[in-house]
C-alpha atoms as a PDB file:
ATOM      1  CA  MET A   1      99.932  37.863  38.012  1.00  0.00           C
ATOM      2  CA  LYS A   2     100.888  37.059  41.435  1.00  0.00           C
ATOM      3  CA  SER A   3      97.972  38.943  42.775  1.00  0.00           C
ATOM      4  CA  ALA A   4      95.581  37.712  40.178  1.00  0.00           C
ATOM      5  CA  ILE A   5      96.336  33.938  41.193  1.00  0.00           C
ATOM      6  CA  LEU A   6      96.011  34.752  44.916  1.00  0.00           C
ATOM      7  CA  ARG A   7      92.436  36.262  44.536  1.00  0.00           C
ATOM      8  CA  PHE A   8      91.381  33.452  42.347  1.00  0.00           C
ATOM      9  CA  ARG A   9      92.964  30.922  44.935  1.00  0.00           C
ATOM     10  CA  VAL A  10      91.122  32.713  47.590  1.00  0.00           C
ATOM     11  CA  MET A  11      87.844  32.911  45.737  1.00  0.00           C
ATOM     12  CA  ALA A  12      88.151  29.379  44.311  1.00  0.00           C
ATOM     13  CA  ILE A  13      88.692  27.995  48.052  1.00  0.00           C
ATOM     14  CA  ILE A  14      85.665  29.931  49.474  1.00  0.00           C
ATOM     15  CA  SER A  15      83.468  29.130  46.667  1.00  0.00           C
ATOM     16  CA  GLY A  16      84.227  25.379  47.038  1.00  0.00           C
ATOM     17  CA  VAL A  17      83.771  25.217  50.721  1.00  0.00           C
ATOM     18  CA  MET A  18      80.310  27.353  50.208  1.00  0.00           C
ATOM     19  CA  SER A  19      79.203  24.831  47.457  1.00  0.00           C
ATOM     20  CA  LEU A  20      80.082  21.922  49.533  1.00  0.00           C
ATOM     21  CA  LEU A  21      77.884  23.433  52.424  1.00  0.00           C
ATOM     22  CA  LEU A  22      75.089  24.088  49.876  1.00  0.00           C
ATOM     23  CA  TRP A  23      75.000  20.694  48.380  1.00  0.00           C
ATOM     24  CA  PHE A  24      75.827  18.596  51.368  1.00  0.00           C
ATOM     25  CA  VAL A  25      74.166  20.473  54.525  1.00  0.00           C
ATOM     26  CA  TYR A  26      71.635  22.879  53.197  1.00  0.00           C
ATOM     27  CA  MET A  27      70.150  20.889  50.432  1.00  0.00           C
ATOM     28  CA  PRO A  28      69.580  17.508  52.568  1.00  0.00           C
ATOM     29  CA  VAL A  29      68.343  19.591  55.464  1.00  0.00           C
ATOM     30  CA  LYS A  30      65.859  21.378  53.296  1.00  0.00           C
ATOM     31  CA  TYR A  31      64.718  18.538  50.956  1.00  0.00           C
ATOM     32  CA  ILE A  32      65.312  15.201  52.817  1.00  0.00           C
ATOM     33  CA  PHE A  33      65.083  15.857  56.539  1.00  0.00           C
ATOM     34  CA  ASP A  34      61.788  17.531  58.173  1.00  0.00           C
ATOM     35  CA  ALA A  35      63.641  19.749  60.599  1.00  0.00           C
ATOM     36  CA  PRO A  36      62.318  23.459  60.246  1.00  0.00           C
ATOM     37  CA  GLU A  37      64.527  24.532  63.261  1.00  0.00           C
ATOM     38  CA  LEU A  38      67.613  23.571  61.613  1.00  0.00           C
ATOM     39  CA  HIS A  39      66.652  24.884  58.499  1.00  0.00           C
ATOM     40  CA  SER A  40      66.215  28.274  59.974  1.00  0.00           C
ATOM     41  CA  LYS A  41      69.659  28.187  61.481  1.00  0.00           C
ATOM     42  CA  ILE A  42      71.383  27.436  58.115  1.00  0.00           C
ATOM     43  CA  ILE A  43      69.274  29.653  55.681  1.00  0.00           C
ATOM     44  CA  TRP A  44      72.351  32.062  55.234  1.00  0.00           C
ATOM     45  CA  ILE A  45      74.314  29.215  53.349  1.00  0.00           C
ATOM     46  CA  PRO A  46      72.707  29.765  49.935  1.00  0.00           C
ATOM     47  CA  MET A  47      72.704  33.511  50.185  1.00  0.00           C
ATOM     48  CA  VAL A  48      76.242  33.834  50.986  1.00  0.00           C
ATOM     49  CA  HIS A  49      76.955  31.225  48.032  1.00  0.00           C
ATOM     50  CA  GLY A  50      74.885  33.541  45.760  1.00  0.00           C
ATOM     51  CA  TYR A  51      76.683  36.573  46.609  1.00  0.00           C
ATOM     52  CA  LEU A  52      80.152  34.960  46.423  1.00  0.00           C
ATOM     53  CA  TYR A  53      79.644  33.081  43.255  1.00  0.00           C
ATOM     54  CA  PRO A  54      79.658  35.994  41.174  1.00  0.00           C
ATOM     55  CA  ILE A  55      82.900  37.450  42.860  1.00  0.00           C
ATOM     56  CA  TYR A  56      84.452  33.844  41.923  1.00  0.00           C
ATOM     57  CA  ILE A  57      83.245  34.367  38.392  1.00  0.00           C
ATOM     58  CA  LEU A  58      84.877  37.769  37.949  1.00  0.00           C
ATOM     59  CA  THR A  59      88.243  36.666  39.701  1.00  0.00           C
ATOM     60  CA  ALA A  60      88.266  33.786  37.199  1.00  0.00           C
ATOM     61  CA  ILE A  61      87.843  35.990  34.582  1.00  0.00           C
ATOM     62  CA  GLN A  62      90.310  38.155  35.548  1.00  0.00           C
ATOM     63  CA  PHE A  63      92.902  35.472  36.138  1.00  0.00           C
ATOM     64  CA  ALA A  64      92.115  33.910  32.699  1.00  0.00           C
ATOM     65  CA  THR A  65      92.213  37.204  30.775  1.00  0.00           C
ATOM     66  CA  LYS A  66      95.814  37.993  32.450  1.00  0.00           C
ATOM     67  CA  ALA A  67      97.273  34.264  31.847  1.00  0.00           C
ATOM     68  CA  ARG A  68      95.903  34.813  28.106  1.00  0.00           C
ATOM     69  CA  TRP A  69      93.774  31.875  28.144  1.00  0.00           C
ATOM     70  CA  PRO A  70      91.151  31.163  25.223  1.00  0.00           C
ATOM     71  CA  ILE A  71      87.419  31.678  25.872  1.00  0.00           C
ATOM     72  CA  MET A  72      86.821  28.082  26.246  1.00  0.00           C
ATOM     73  CA  LYS A  73      89.201  27.400  28.889  1.00  0.00           C
ATOM     74  CA  MET A  74      88.012  30.543  30.720  1.00  0.00           C
ATOM     75  CA  LEU A  75      84.517  29.041  30.550  1.00  0.00           C
ATOM     76  CA  GLY A  76      85.755  25.686  31.885  1.00  0.00           C
ATOM     77  CA  LEU A  77      87.295  27.704  34.802  1.00  0.00           C
ATOM     78  CA  ILE A  78      84.041  29.812  35.391  1.00  0.00           C
ATOM     79  CA  LEU A  79      81.995  26.455  35.075  1.00  0.00           C
ATOM     80  CA  ALA A  80      84.352  24.693  37.825  1.00  0.00           C
ATOM     81  CA  GLY A  81      82.521  26.809  40.321  1.00  0.00           C
ATOM     82  CA  THR A  82      79.237  25.043  39.876  1.00  0.00           C
ATOM     83  CA  LEU A  83      80.400  21.605  41.214  1.00  0.00           C
ATOM     84  CA  PRO A  84      81.387  21.115  44.869  1.00  0.00           C
ATOM     85  CA  ILE A  85      84.886  19.911  44.263  1.00  0.00           C
ATOM     86  CA  ALA A  86      85.536  21.283  40.797  1.00  0.00           C
ATOM     87  CA  SER A  87      86.741  24.703  41.807  1.00  0.00           C
ATOM     88  CA  LEU A  88      89.134  23.436  44.367  1.00  0.00           C
ATOM     89  CA  LEU A  89      90.641  21.048  41.737  1.00  0.00           C
ATOM     90  CA  ALA A  90      90.847  24.087  39.378  1.00  0.00           C
ATOM     91  CA  GLU A  91      92.446  26.006  41.916  1.00  0.00           C
ATOM     92  CA  ARG A  92      95.188  23.272  42.622  1.00  0.00           C
ATOM     93  CA  ARG A  93      95.679  23.137  38.704  1.00  0.00           C
ATOM     94  CA  VAL A  94      96.154  26.959  38.512  1.00  0.00           C
ATOM     95  CA  VAL A  95      98.504  27.231  41.567  1.00  0.00           C
ATOM     96  CA  ARG A  96     100.777  24.387  40.355  1.00  0.00           C
ATOM     97  CA  ARG A  97     101.120  25.669  36.731  1.00  0.00           C
ATOM     98  CA  TYR A  98     101.619  29.489  37.485  1.00  0.00           C
ATOM     99  CA  SER A  99     103.266  29.518  40.939  1.00  0.00           C
END
């Protein structure tokens, strides 16, 4: 169980940071500011986020399965990765309860 918590914790933090970068760096540069040179430097953010989010989903499913959570609670944990701060809050809640 400890290894599942550790994997979930790492992926929740990484997913949360990448989501913050996506929402508050990449999106404003792409849609608000007219800076193609800056946009070309941060084009990696959505690609990395796109590869890491499925890994977050798998670790959340693995943790929720080991913790014997019901499906709806598991879905809440998975959906926490879609909002910038929610995965970080979910990680804190999981660590407090299961560590």
